[in-house]
Amino acid sequence: MTVWSSDAAFELHGACQHSLRFSFAAPVGYPYAPAEMADENPPPALFRRIQAASPPPTRQGAPWQTGLTLDGQPFDPDGPHDRLADIKHPEGATNLDQPAPDTVILNWMFDVPRQQHTITAPGDDQNKLLLSIPYWNPAEATGQTITQTVDYYATHRVEWTQKPETDWVAVSFDDFFPKDRDSADILIPLGECDQLCTSSQ
């Protein structure tokens, strides 16, 4: 696991022009707005909505990459994607805007069964995605690998409902709303199809 967002962890297994493959784990103990679970008779599953858009939504009307830098230079999303973990956000970075309806390529409710699982960050998906804004990350704060047991965990593969328009997609677990939401969206460059791609089945 690499990314924490909205008291959950997201791990990217793959994303291409056909589908998204990911794991989702919760809760992770976000200190500012923790997800409260029942001590007795906890629910057998959690349900979350995932929405994705391509191209990624604007940021206050400007291109989504506005303000992002790599080695002190403006980040070029058309350049190499091998150092996404090194990208810096500007001070006071704002959330992405809501996407135009015709750019939404996924709007899907999924289940996260109650089953304990151990997650680790950074994960294998490091440098394969980036957050839209700075967000709480205990692994980054300590500079050490973090291992944690969660109560809810699932792995899913889902096809886009329409072909992505660009080589980047933005993923939100809060419908890109409200503007001042206390969560980060996830920006993913599309890669090559692999054995997990729906087109190879």
N, C-alpha and C. Protein backbone atom coordinates (compact mmCIF):
# COMPACT_ATOMS: atom_id res chain seq x y z
N MET A 1 0.84 -1.19 0.00
CA MET A 1 0.00 0.00 0.00
C MET A 1 0.88 1.24 0.00
N THR A 2 0.50 2.22 -0.76
CA THR A 2 1.26 3.46 -0.83
C THR A 2 0.45 4.66 -0.40
N VAL A 3 -0.82 4.72 -0.74
CA VAL A 3 -1.58 5.95 -0.61
C VAL A 3 -2.67 5.81 0.44
N TRP A 4 -2.69 6.77 1.35
CA TRP A 4 -3.80 6.88 2.29
C TRP A 4 -4.73 7.97 1.79
N SER A 5 -6.03 7.73 1.85
CA SER A 5 -7.01 8.73 1.42
C SER A 5 -8.33 8.46 2.11
N SER A 6 -8.82 9.44 2.86
CA SER A 6 -10.13 9.33 3.50
C SER A 6 -10.20 8.12 4.43
N ASP A 7 -9.20 8.00 5.33
CA ASP A 7 -9.08 6.91 6.30
C ASP A 7 -9.11 5.54 5.63
N ALA A 8 -8.48 5.44 4.50
CA ALA A 8 -8.35 4.16 3.81
C ALA A 8 -7.03 4.15 3.05
N ALA A 9 -6.63 2.97 2.64
CA ALA A 9 -5.40 2.82 1.86
C ALA A 9 -5.74 2.24 0.50
N PHE A 10 -5.07 2.76 -0.51
CA PHE A 10 -5.28 2.34 -1.90
C PHE A 10 -3.98 1.81 -2.45
N GLU A 11 -4.03 0.66 -3.09
CA GLU A 11 -2.85 0.10 -3.75
C GLU A 11 -3.18 -0.14 -5.22
N LEU A 12 -2.39 0.40 -6.09
CA LEU A 12 -2.58 0.23 -7.53
C LEU A 12 -1.87 -1.02 -8.01
N HIS A 13 -2.61 -1.91 -8.67
CA HIS A 13 -2.01 -3.10 -9.27
C HIS A 13 -1.80 -2.91 -10.76
N GLY A 14 -2.57 -2.03 -11.36
CA GLY A 14 -2.41 -1.78 -12.78
C GLY A 14 -3.53 -0.91 -13.31
N ALA A 15 -3.23 -0.13 -14.33
CA ALA A 15 -4.24 0.69 -15.00
C ALA A 15 -3.81 0.85 -16.45
N CYS A 16 -4.73 0.58 -17.35
CA CYS A 16 -4.44 0.71 -18.78
C CYS A 16 -5.69 1.28 -19.45
N GLN A 17 -5.72 1.28 -20.75
CA GLN A 17 -6.86 1.86 -21.46
C GLN A 17 -8.14 1.05 -21.29
N HIS A 18 -8.03 -0.17 -20.73
CA HIS A 18 -9.22 -1.01 -20.58
C HIS A 18 -9.78 -1.04 -19.16
N SER A 19 -8.91 -1.03 -18.15
CA SER A 19 -9.40 -1.29 -16.80
C SER A 19 -8.46 -0.76 -15.72
N LEU A 20 -8.99 -0.80 -14.50
CA LEU A 20 -8.25 -0.44 -13.29
C LEU A 20 -8.22 -1.64 -12.37
N ARG A 21 -7.05 -1.93 -11.79
CA ARG A 21 -6.90 -3.03 -10.84
C ARG A 21 -6.31 -2.45 -9.56
N PHE A 22 -6.98 -2.70 -8.43
CA PHE A 22 -6.55 -2.07 -7.19
C PHE A 22 -6.99 -2.87 -5.98
N SER A 23 -6.36 -2.56 -4.83
CA SER A 23 -6.80 -3.07 -3.53
C SER A 23 -7.17 -1.89 -2.66
N PHE A 24 -8.11 -2.12 -1.75
CA PHE A 24 -8.61 -1.06 -0.88
C PHE A 24 -8.69 -1.62 0.53
N ALA A 25 -8.17 -0.88 1.50
CA ALA A 25 -8.13 -1.34 2.89
C ALA A 25 -8.61 -0.24 3.82
N ALA A 26 -9.33 -0.61 4.87
CA ALA A 26 -9.84 0.39 5.81
C ALA A 26 -10.20 -0.31 7.14
N PRO A 27 -10.29 0.49 8.22
CA PRO A 27 -9.76 1.85 8.35
C PRO A 27 -8.27 1.80 8.67
N VAL A 28 -7.61 2.92 8.48
CA VAL A 28 -6.16 2.96 8.72
C VAL A 28 -5.78 3.90 9.86
N GLY A 29 -6.79 4.48 10.53
CA GLY A 29 -6.51 5.29 11.70
C GLY A 29 -6.12 6.72 11.40
N TYR A 30 -6.74 7.30 10.38
CA TYR A 30 -6.49 8.70 10.05
C TYR A 30 -6.77 9.55 11.28
N PRO A 31 -5.78 10.25 11.83
CA PRO A 31 -5.95 10.89 13.14
C PRO A 31 -6.90 12.08 13.16
N TYR A 32 -7.19 12.69 12.01
CA TYR A 32 -7.98 13.91 11.99
C TYR A 32 -9.47 13.66 11.77
N ALA A 33 -9.81 12.55 11.17
CA ALA A 33 -11.22 12.21 10.97
C ALA A 33 -11.34 10.69 10.83
N PRO A 34 -11.08 9.97 11.92
CA PRO A 34 -11.10 8.50 11.84
C PRO A 34 -12.48 7.95 11.56
N ALA A 35 -12.51 6.86 10.82
CA ALA A 35 -13.78 6.17 10.57
C ALA A 35 -14.15 5.36 11.80
N GLU A 36 -15.31 5.63 12.37
CA GLU A 36 -15.74 4.96 13.59
C GLU A 36 -16.44 3.65 13.23
N MET A 37 -15.96 2.55 13.81
CA MET A 37 -16.56 1.24 13.58
C MET A 37 -17.23 0.75 14.86
N ALA A 38 -18.31 0.01 14.69
CA ALA A 38 -19.02 -0.53 15.84
C ALA A 38 -18.15 -1.56 16.56
N ASP A 39 -18.11 -1.46 17.89
CA ASP A 39 -17.33 -2.43 18.67
C ASP A 39 -18.02 -3.79 18.69
N GLU A 40 -19.34 -3.78 18.69
CA GLU A 40 -20.10 -5.02 18.69
C GLU A 40 -20.83 -5.17 17.36
N ASN A 41 -20.85 -6.36 16.85
CA ASN A 41 -21.51 -6.67 15.58
C ASN A 41 -21.11 -5.70 14.47
N PRO A 42 -19.83 -5.60 14.16
CA PRO A 42 -19.40 -4.72 13.07
C PRO A 42 -19.98 -5.20 11.74
N PRO A 43 -20.18 -4.30 10.79
CA PRO A 43 -20.79 -4.71 9.51
C PRO A 43 -19.91 -5.73 8.79
N PRO A 44 -20.53 -6.66 8.06
CA PRO A 44 -19.75 -7.68 7.35
C PRO A 44 -18.99 -7.11 6.16
N ALA A 45 -19.35 -5.92 5.73
CA ALA A 45 -18.66 -5.30 4.59
C ALA A 45 -18.88 -3.80 4.63
N LEU A 46 -17.94 -3.08 4.04
CA LEU A 46 -18.10 -1.66 3.81
C LEU A 46 -18.42 -1.46 2.34
N PHE A 47 -19.06 -0.37 2.02
CA PHE A 47 -19.36 -0.06 0.63
C PHE A 47 -18.85 1.33 0.32
N ARG A 48 -18.09 1.43 -0.75
CA ARG A 48 -17.51 2.70 -1.15
C ARG A 48 -17.76 2.95 -2.63
N ARG A 49 -17.80 4.21 -2.99
CA ARG A 49 -17.96 4.58 -4.39
C ARG A 49 -16.62 5.06 -4.93
N ILE A 50 -16.29 4.64 -6.13
CA ILE A 50 -15.11 5.12 -6.81
C ILE A 50 -15.55 5.82 -8.09
N GLN A 51 -14.99 6.98 -8.31
CA GLN A 51 -15.26 7.72 -9.54
C GLN A 51 -13.93 8.06 -10.18
N ALA A 52 -13.87 7.96 -11.51
CA ALA A 52 -12.64 8.27 -12.24
C ALA A 52 -12.97 9.12 -13.44
N ALA A 53 -12.03 9.99 -13.79
CA ALA A 53 -12.22 10.89 -14.92
C ALA A 53 -10.96 10.98 -15.74
N SER A 54 -11.13 11.08 -17.06
CA SER A 54 -10.01 11.29 -17.97
C SER A 54 -10.48 12.19 -19.10
N PRO A 55 -9.80 13.33 -19.30
CA PRO A 55 -8.62 13.77 -18.55
C PRO A 55 -8.97 14.12 -17.11
N PRO A 56 -7.96 14.17 -16.24
CA PRO A 56 -8.23 14.58 -14.86
C PRO A 56 -8.88 15.97 -14.82
N PRO A 57 -9.72 16.22 -13.83
CA PRO A 57 -10.37 17.53 -13.72
C PRO A 57 -9.35 18.65 -13.55
N THR A 58 -9.80 19.85 -13.84
CA THR A 58 -8.94 21.02 -13.65
C THR A 58 -8.75 21.30 -12.15
N ARG A 59 -7.86 22.24 -11.89
CA ARG A 59 -7.59 22.67 -10.52
C ARG A 59 -7.85 24.18 -10.48
N GLN A 60 -8.98 24.57 -9.93
CA GLN A 60 -9.42 25.97 -9.95
C GLN A 60 -9.42 26.50 -11.39
N GLY A 61 -9.88 25.66 -12.30
CA GLY A 61 -10.00 26.05 -13.70
C GLY A 61 -8.73 25.91 -14.51
N ALA A 62 -7.60 25.68 -13.86
CA ALA A 62 -6.32 25.52 -14.55
C ALA A 62 -6.02 24.03 -14.73
N PRO A 63 -5.09 23.66 -15.61
CA PRO A 63 -4.74 22.25 -15.79
C PRO A 63 -4.38 21.60 -14.44
N TRP A 64 -4.71 20.32 -14.31
CA TRP A 64 -4.54 19.63 -13.03
C TRP A 64 -3.11 19.64 -12.52
N GLN A 65 -2.13 19.69 -13.41
CA GLN A 65 -0.73 19.65 -13.00
C GLN A 65 -0.19 21.00 -12.56
N THR A 66 -1.03 22.04 -12.62
CA THR A 66 -0.59 23.38 -12.27
C THR A 66 0.00 23.42 -10.85
N GLY A 67 1.20 23.95 -10.74
CA GLY A 67 1.85 24.08 -9.43
C GLY A 67 2.72 22.91 -9.05
N LEU A 68 2.53 21.74 -9.66
CA LEU A 68 3.35 20.57 -9.34
C LEU A 68 4.75 20.75 -9.93
N THR A 69 5.76 20.36 -9.17
CA THR A 69 7.13 20.52 -9.64
C THR A 69 7.94 19.24 -9.43
N LEU A 70 8.96 19.09 -10.23
CA LEU A 70 9.92 17.99 -10.11
C LEU A 70 11.30 18.60 -10.29
N ASP A 71 12.13 18.45 -9.27
CA ASP A 71 13.46 19.07 -9.27
C ASP A 71 13.39 20.57 -9.51
N GLY A 72 12.35 21.20 -8.94
CA GLY A 72 12.22 22.64 -9.05
C GLY A 72 11.66 23.14 -10.36
N GLN A 73 11.33 22.23 -11.27
CA GLN A 73 10.79 22.60 -12.58
C GLN A 73 9.34 22.17 -12.67
N PRO A 74 8.51 22.88 -13.46
CA PRO A 74 7.11 22.46 -13.61
C PRO A 74 7.02 21.01 -14.07
N PHE A 75 6.14 20.26 -13.43
CA PHE A 75 5.98 18.86 -13.81
C PHE A 75 5.29 18.74 -15.16
N ASP A 76 5.87 17.93 -16.02
CA ASP A 76 5.31 17.69 -17.35
C ASP A 76 4.67 16.30 -17.37
N PRO A 77 3.33 16.21 -17.38
CA PRO A 77 2.68 14.89 -17.36
C PRO A 77 2.96 14.06 -18.60
N ASP A 78 3.47 14.68 -19.67
CA ASP A 78 3.81 13.93 -20.88
C ASP A 78 5.24 13.40 -20.85
N GLY A 79 5.98 13.74 -19.80
CA GLY A 79 7.36 13.28 -19.67
C GLY A 79 7.44 11.93 -18.98
N PRO A 80 8.65 11.52 -18.55
CA PRO A 80 8.82 10.23 -17.86
C PRO A 80 7.99 10.18 -16.58
N HIS A 81 7.56 8.96 -16.22
CA HIS A 81 6.72 8.77 -15.04
C HIS A 81 7.43 7.95 -13.97
N ASP A 82 8.74 7.88 -14.01
CA ASP A 82 9.46 7.00 -13.10
C ASP A 82 9.82 7.64 -11.76
N ARG A 83 9.47 8.92 -11.57
CA ARG A 83 9.81 9.60 -10.31
C ARG A 83 8.59 10.33 -9.74
N LEU A 84 7.45 9.73 -9.84
CA LEU A 84 6.24 10.39 -9.37
C LEU A 84 6.28 10.64 -7.86
N ALA A 85 6.98 9.81 -7.11
CA ALA A 85 7.07 10.00 -5.66
C ALA A 85 7.86 11.25 -5.29
N ASP A 86 8.63 11.79 -6.24
CA ASP A 86 9.45 12.98 -5.96
C ASP A 86 8.76 14.28 -6.32
N ILE A 87 7.56 14.21 -6.86
CA ILE A 87 6.85 15.43 -7.26
C ILE A 87 6.41 16.21 -6.02
N LYS A 88 6.59 17.52 -6.07
CA LYS A 88 6.24 18.38 -4.96
C LYS A 88 4.97 19.17 -5.28
N HIS A 89 4.15 19.36 -4.24
CA HIS A 89 2.94 20.18 -4.37
C HIS A 89 3.23 21.59 -3.89
N PRO A 90 2.58 22.58 -4.47
CA PRO A 90 2.78 23.95 -3.99
C PRO A 90 2.13 24.15 -2.63
N GLU A 91 2.62 25.10 -1.88
CA GLU A 91 2.01 25.42 -0.59
C GLU A 91 0.55 25.84 -0.82
N GLY A 92 -0.34 25.28 -0.02
CA GLY A 92 -1.76 25.60 -0.17
C GLY A 92 -2.41 24.98 -1.39
N ALA A 93 -1.87 23.85 -1.87
CA ALA A 93 -2.44 23.18 -3.04
C ALA A 93 -3.92 22.90 -2.83
N THR A 94 -4.70 23.15 -3.87
CA THR A 94 -6.15 22.98 -3.78
C THR A 94 -6.58 21.68 -4.44
N ASN A 95 -7.76 21.20 -4.02
CA ASN A 95 -8.31 19.98 -4.58
C ASN A 95 -8.66 20.15 -6.06
N LEU A 96 -8.78 19.05 -6.74
CA LEU A 96 -9.25 19.07 -8.12
C LEU A 96 -10.72 19.49 -8.16
N ASP A 97 -11.10 20.09 -9.27
CA ASP A 97 -12.49 20.46 -9.47
C ASP A 97 -13.32 19.20 -9.77
N GLN A 98 -14.63 19.34 -9.76
CA GLN A 98 -15.47 18.23 -10.19
C GLN A 98 -15.32 18.04 -11.70
N PRO A 99 -15.29 16.81 -12.17
CA PRO A 99 -15.08 16.57 -13.60
C PRO A 99 -16.32 16.90 -14.43
N ALA A 100 -16.10 17.25 -15.69
CA ALA A 100 -17.22 17.41 -16.62
C ALA A 100 -17.87 16.03 -16.81
N PRO A 101 -19.19 15.96 -16.89
CA PRO A 101 -19.87 14.66 -16.98
C PRO A 101 -19.36 13.77 -18.10
N ASP A 102 -18.99 14.35 -19.26
CA ASP A 102 -18.56 13.52 -20.37
C ASP A 102 -17.13 13.01 -20.23
N THR A 103 -16.44 13.40 -19.13
CA THR A 103 -15.08 12.88 -18.89
C THR A 103 -15.06 11.78 -17.85
N VAL A 104 -16.22 11.50 -17.23
CA VAL A 104 -16.28 10.46 -16.19
C VAL A 104 -16.26 9.09 -16.87
N ILE A 105 -15.24 8.31 -16.56
CA ILE A 105 -15.08 7.00 -17.19
C ILE A 105 -15.37 5.85 -16.23
N LEU A 106 -15.70 6.19 -14.98
CA LEU A 106 -16.05 5.15 -14.00
C LEU A 106 -16.83 5.80 -12.87
N ASN A 107 -17.93 5.17 -12.49
CA ASN A 107 -18.73 5.60 -11.35
C ASN A 107 -19.33 4.34 -10.78
N TRP A 108 -18.69 3.76 -9.78
CA TRP A 108 -18.97 2.38 -9.41
C TRP A 108 -18.96 2.22 -7.89
N MET A 109 -19.95 1.53 -7.37
CA MET A 109 -20.00 1.18 -5.96
C MET A 109 -19.41 -0.21 -5.78
N PHE A 110 -18.48 -0.34 -4.81
CA PHE A 110 -17.85 -1.64 -4.61
C PHE A 110 -17.88 -2.01 -3.14
N ASP A 111 -17.71 -3.29 -2.86
CA ASP A 111 -17.74 -3.77 -1.48
C ASP A 111 -16.34 -4.06 -0.98
N VAL A 112 -16.18 -3.91 0.33
CA VAL A 112 -14.91 -4.22 1.00
C VAL A 112 -15.25 -5.15 2.16
N PRO A 113 -15.12 -6.47 1.98
CA PRO A 113 -15.52 -7.42 3.01
C PRO A 113 -14.70 -7.28 4.29
N ARG A 114 -15.29 -7.66 5.39
CA ARG A 114 -14.57 -7.68 6.66
C ARG A 114 -13.64 -8.89 6.67
N GLN A 115 -12.38 -8.65 6.47
CA GLN A 115 -11.36 -9.68 6.56
C GLN A 115 -10.03 -9.00 6.87
N GLN A 116 -9.38 -9.48 7.89
CA GLN A 116 -8.12 -8.86 8.30
C GLN A 116 -7.04 -9.10 7.25
N HIS A 117 -6.23 -8.08 7.08
CA HIS A 117 -5.17 -8.16 6.10
C HIS A 117 -4.04 -7.23 6.54
N THR A 118 -2.83 -7.60 6.28
CA THR A 118 -1.68 -6.77 6.62
C THR A 118 -1.25 -5.97 5.40
N ILE A 119 -1.16 -4.66 5.56
CA ILE A 119 -0.74 -3.79 4.46
C ILE A 119 0.61 -3.16 4.80
N THR A 120 1.34 -2.81 3.77
CA THR A 120 2.67 -2.24 3.94
C THR A 120 2.84 -1.02 3.04
N ALA A 121 3.45 0.02 3.57
CA ALA A 121 3.76 1.21 2.78
C ALA A 121 5.19 1.65 3.09
N PRO A 122 5.94 2.10 2.10
CA PRO A 122 5.56 2.15 0.68
C PRO A 122 5.34 0.74 0.12
N GLY A 123 4.54 0.70 -0.94
CA GLY A 123 4.23 -0.57 -1.58
C GLY A 123 4.86 -0.69 -2.95
N ASP A 124 4.48 -1.73 -3.66
CA ASP A 124 5.02 -1.97 -5.00
C ASP A 124 4.57 -0.92 -6.01
N ASP A 125 3.55 -0.16 -5.65
CA ASP A 125 3.06 0.85 -6.59
C ASP A 125 3.71 2.22 -6.40
N GLN A 126 4.72 2.29 -5.55
CA GLN A 126 5.40 3.57 -5.39
C GLN A 126 5.96 4.04 -6.74
N ASN A 127 5.83 5.31 -7.02
CA ASN A 127 6.25 5.92 -8.28
C ASN A 127 5.31 5.60 -9.44
N LYS A 128 4.18 4.95 -9.16
CA LYS A 128 3.22 4.64 -10.23
C LYS A 128 1.96 5.51 -10.15
N LEU A 129 1.91 6.40 -9.16
CA LEU A 129 0.77 7.28 -8.99
C LEU A 129 1.20 8.46 -8.13
N LEU A 130 0.33 9.46 -8.04
CA LEU A 130 0.60 10.57 -7.14
C LEU A 130 -0.71 11.13 -6.62
N LEU A 131 -0.64 11.83 -5.50
CA LEU A 131 -1.82 12.43 -4.91
C LEU A 131 -2.05 13.82 -5.47
N SER A 132 -3.31 14.24 -5.46
CA SER A 132 -3.64 15.55 -5.99
C SER A 132 -3.21 16.66 -5.04
N ILE A 133 -3.18 16.38 -3.74
CA ILE A 133 -2.75 17.34 -2.73
C ILE A 133 -1.93 16.60 -1.68
N PRO A 134 -1.14 17.30 -0.88
CA PRO A 134 -0.44 16.62 0.22
C PRO A 134 -1.45 15.99 1.17
N TYR A 135 -1.11 14.83 1.72
CA TYR A 135 -2.04 14.13 2.59
C TYR A 135 -1.26 13.36 3.63
N TRP A 136 -1.89 13.15 4.76
CA TRP A 136 -1.29 12.40 5.86
C TRP A 136 -0.70 11.09 5.36
N ASN A 137 0.56 10.85 5.69
CA ASN A 137 1.23 9.63 5.27
C ASN A 137 2.28 9.27 6.32
N PRO A 138 1.97 8.35 7.24
CA PRO A 138 2.90 8.02 8.32
C PRO A 138 4.21 7.43 7.82
N ALA A 139 4.19 6.72 6.69
CA ALA A 139 5.42 6.16 6.15
C ALA A 139 6.36 7.27 5.69
N GLU A 140 5.80 8.26 5.03
CA GLU A 140 6.61 9.38 4.55
C GLU A 140 7.12 10.22 5.71
N ALA A 141 6.29 10.40 6.73
CA ALA A 141 6.65 11.22 7.88
C ALA A 141 7.81 10.63 8.66
N THR A 142 7.84 9.30 8.77
CA THR A 142 8.89 8.65 9.55
C THR A 142 10.08 8.22 8.71
N GLY A 143 9.88 8.16 7.39
CA GLY A 143 10.94 7.68 6.52
C GLY A 143 11.18 6.18 6.65
N GLN A 144 10.21 5.49 7.22
CA GLN A 144 10.35 4.05 7.44
C GLN A 144 9.17 3.31 6.82
N THR A 145 9.36 2.02 6.60
CA THR A 145 8.27 1.19 6.11
C THR A 145 7.25 0.98 7.22
N ILE A 146 5.99 1.14 6.89
CA ILE A 146 4.90 0.99 7.85
C ILE A 146 4.14 -0.28 7.53
N THR A 147 3.93 -1.12 8.55
CA THR A 147 3.11 -2.32 8.41
C THR A 147 1.93 -2.22 9.36
N GLN A 148 0.75 -2.52 8.87
CA GLN A 148 -0.47 -2.33 9.66
C GLN A 148 -1.49 -3.39 9.30
N THR A 149 -2.26 -3.82 10.29
CA THR A 149 -3.35 -4.76 10.06
C THR A 149 -4.66 -4.00 10.00
N VAL A 150 -5.43 -4.24 8.95
CA VAL A 150 -6.74 -3.61 8.79
C VAL A 150 -7.83 -4.66 8.89
N ASP A 151 -9.04 -4.21 9.18
CA ASP A 151 -10.17 -5.13 9.34
C ASP A 151 -10.95 -5.38 8.06
N TYR A 152 -10.83 -4.46 7.09
CA TYR A 152 -11.57 -4.59 5.84
C TYR A 152 -10.60 -4.48 4.67
N TYR A 153 -10.72 -5.42 3.75
CA TYR A 153 -9.77 -5.45 2.63
C TYR A 153 -10.41 -6.11 1.42
N ALA A 154 -10.12 -5.58 0.24
CA ALA A 154 -10.66 -6.15 -1.00
C ALA A 154 -9.74 -5.80 -2.16
N THR A 155 -9.74 -6.66 -3.14
CA THR A 155 -9.04 -6.41 -4.40
C THR A 155 -10.08 -6.49 -5.52
N HIS A 156 -10.05 -5.49 -6.41
CA HIS A 156 -11.04 -5.44 -7.48
C HIS A 156 -10.37 -5.14 -8.82
N ARG A 157 -11.03 -5.59 -9.85
CA ARG A 157 -10.68 -5.23 -11.22
C ARG A 157 -11.96 -4.73 -11.88
N VAL A 158 -11.90 -3.55 -12.47
CA VAL A 158 -13.10 -2.96 -13.04
C VAL A 158 -12.76 -2.29 -14.37
N GLU A 159 -13.63 -2.48 -15.35
CA GLU A 159 -13.42 -1.88 -16.66
C GLU A 159 -13.92 -0.44 -16.66
N TRP A 160 -13.24 0.41 -17.41
CA TRP A 160 -13.73 1.77 -17.62
C TRP A 160 -15.04 1.69 -18.41
N THR A 161 -15.94 2.59 -18.17
CA THR A 161 -17.20 2.59 -18.91
C THR A 161 -17.06 3.24 -20.29
N GLN A 162 -15.98 3.98 -20.47
CA GLN A 162 -15.64 4.50 -21.79
C GLN A 162 -14.12 4.67 -21.85
N LYS A 163 -13.59 4.73 -23.05
CA LYS A 163 -12.15 4.80 -23.21
C LYS A 163 -11.59 6.10 -22.66
N PRO A 164 -10.53 6.04 -21.85
CA PRO A 164 -9.92 7.27 -21.35
C PRO A 164 -9.47 8.17 -22.50
N GLU A 165 -9.67 9.47 -22.32
CA GLU A 165 -9.32 10.41 -23.38
C GLU A 165 -7.84 10.75 -23.41
N THR A 166 -7.17 10.57 -22.27
CA THR A 166 -5.74 10.89 -22.19
C THR A 166 -5.01 9.75 -21.52
N ASP A 167 -3.71 9.91 -21.35
CA ASP A 167 -2.89 8.89 -20.70
C ASP A 167 -2.91 9.00 -19.18
N TRP A 168 -3.73 9.90 -18.64
CA TRP A 168 -3.86 10.06 -17.20
C TRP A 168 -5.33 9.94 -16.79
N VAL A 169 -5.56 9.36 -15.62
CA VAL A 169 -6.89 9.34 -15.03
C VAL A 169 -6.79 9.85 -13.60
N ALA A 170 -7.86 10.46 -13.13
CA ALA A 170 -7.96 10.88 -11.74
C ALA A 170 -9.02 10.02 -11.06
N VAL A 171 -8.71 9.53 -9.87
CA VAL A 171 -9.60 8.66 -9.12
C VAL A 171 -9.97 9.33 -7.80
N SER A 172 -11.26 9.32 -7.47
CA SER A 172 -11.73 9.90 -6.21
C SER A 172 -12.67 8.91 -5.52
N PHE A 173 -12.55 8.86 -4.20
CA PHE A 173 -13.49 8.06 -3.41
C PHE A 173 -14.52 8.95 -2.72
N ASP A 174 -14.56 10.22 -3.11
CA ASP A 174 -15.51 11.18 -2.56
C ASP A 174 -16.20 11.97 -3.66
N ASP A 175 -16.28 11.40 -4.86
CA ASP A 175 -16.98 12.03 -5.98
C ASP A 175 -16.43 13.42 -6.31
N PHE A 176 -15.15 13.65 -5.99
CA PHE A 176 -14.53 14.95 -6.25
C PHE A 176 -15.33 16.09 -5.59
N PHE A 177 -15.90 15.82 -4.41
CA PHE A 177 -16.78 16.78 -3.76
C PHE A 177 -16.74 16.57 -2.25
N PRO A 178 -16.90 17.62 -1.42
CA PRO A 178 -17.00 19.03 -1.80
C PRO A 178 -15.64 19.62 -2.14
N LYS A 179 -15.62 20.88 -2.47
CA LYS A 179 -14.37 21.52 -2.87
C LYS A 179 -13.32 21.42 -1.77
N ASP A 180 -13.74 21.59 -0.52
CA ASP A 180 -12.80 21.55 0.61
C ASP A 180 -12.82 20.20 1.30
N ARG A 181 -12.99 19.13 0.54
CA ARG A 181 -13.05 17.78 1.11
C ARG A 181 -11.74 17.43 1.83
N ASP A 182 -11.88 16.63 2.87
CA ASP A 182 -10.72 16.22 3.65
C ASP A 182 -10.22 14.87 3.13
N SER A 183 -9.85 14.86 1.88
CA SER A 183 -9.30 13.65 1.27
C SER A 183 -8.52 14.06 0.03
N ALA A 184 -7.68 13.16 -0.41
CA ALA A 184 -6.89 13.42 -1.61
C ALA A 184 -7.38 12.53 -2.75
N ASP A 185 -7.37 13.06 -3.96
CA ASP A 185 -7.66 12.27 -5.14
C ASP A 185 -6.35 11.65 -5.63
N ILE A 186 -6.46 10.66 -6.49
CA ILE A 186 -5.30 9.91 -6.94
C ILE A 186 -5.14 10.08 -8.44
N LEU A 187 -3.96 10.46 -8.87
CA LEU A 187 -3.65 10.67 -10.28
C LEU A 187 -2.78 9.53 -10.77
N ILE A 188 -3.24 8.88 -11.86
CA ILE A 188 -2.59 7.65 -12.32
C ILE A 188 -2.28 7.75 -13.81
N PRO A 189 -1.01 7.56 -14.18
CA PRO A 189 -0.69 7.47 -15.61
C PRO A 189 -1.02 6.06 -16.11
N LEU A 190 -1.67 5.96 -17.23
CA LEU A 190 -2.02 4.64 -17.76
C LEU A 190 -0.78 3.94 -18.29
N GLY A 191 -0.71 2.63 -18.05
CA GLY A 191 0.42 1.84 -18.51
C GLY A 191 -0.01 0.83 -19.56
N GLU A 192 0.87 -0.11 -19.83
CA GLU A 192 0.59 -1.16 -20.79
C GLU A 192 -0.35 -2.20 -20.19
N CYS A 193 -1.07 -2.90 -21.04
CA CYS A 193 -1.90 -4.00 -20.58
C CYS A 193 -1.00 -5.11 -20.01
N ASP A 194 -1.49 -5.81 -19.02
CA ASP A 194 -0.73 -6.91 -18.43
C ASP A 194 -1.67 -8.10 -18.21
N GLN A 195 -1.21 -9.10 -17.47
CA GLN A 195 -2.00 -10.31 -17.27
C GLN A 195 -3.26 -10.05 -16.45
N LEU A 196 -3.32 -8.91 -15.75
CA LEU A 196 -4.50 -8.57 -14.98
C LEU A 196 -5.53 -7.76 -15.77
N CYS A 197 -5.18 -7.35 -16.97
CA CYS A 197 -6.08 -6.54 -17.79
C CYS A 197 -7.26 -7.38 -18.26
N THR A 198 -8.43 -6.79 -18.26
CA THR A 198 -9.63 -7.52 -18.66
C THR A 198 -9.55 -8.00 -20.12
N SER A 199 -8.82 -7.30 -20.97
CA SER A 199 -8.75 -7.67 -22.38
C SER A 199 -7.94 -8.95 -22.60
N SER A 200 -7.16 -9.33 -21.58
CA SER A 200 -6.31 -10.52 -21.75
C SER A 200 -6.99 -11.79 -21.23
N GLN A 201 -8.20 -11.63 -20.68
CA GLN A 201 -8.88 -12.79 -20.07
C GLN A 201 -9.63 -13.59 -21.14
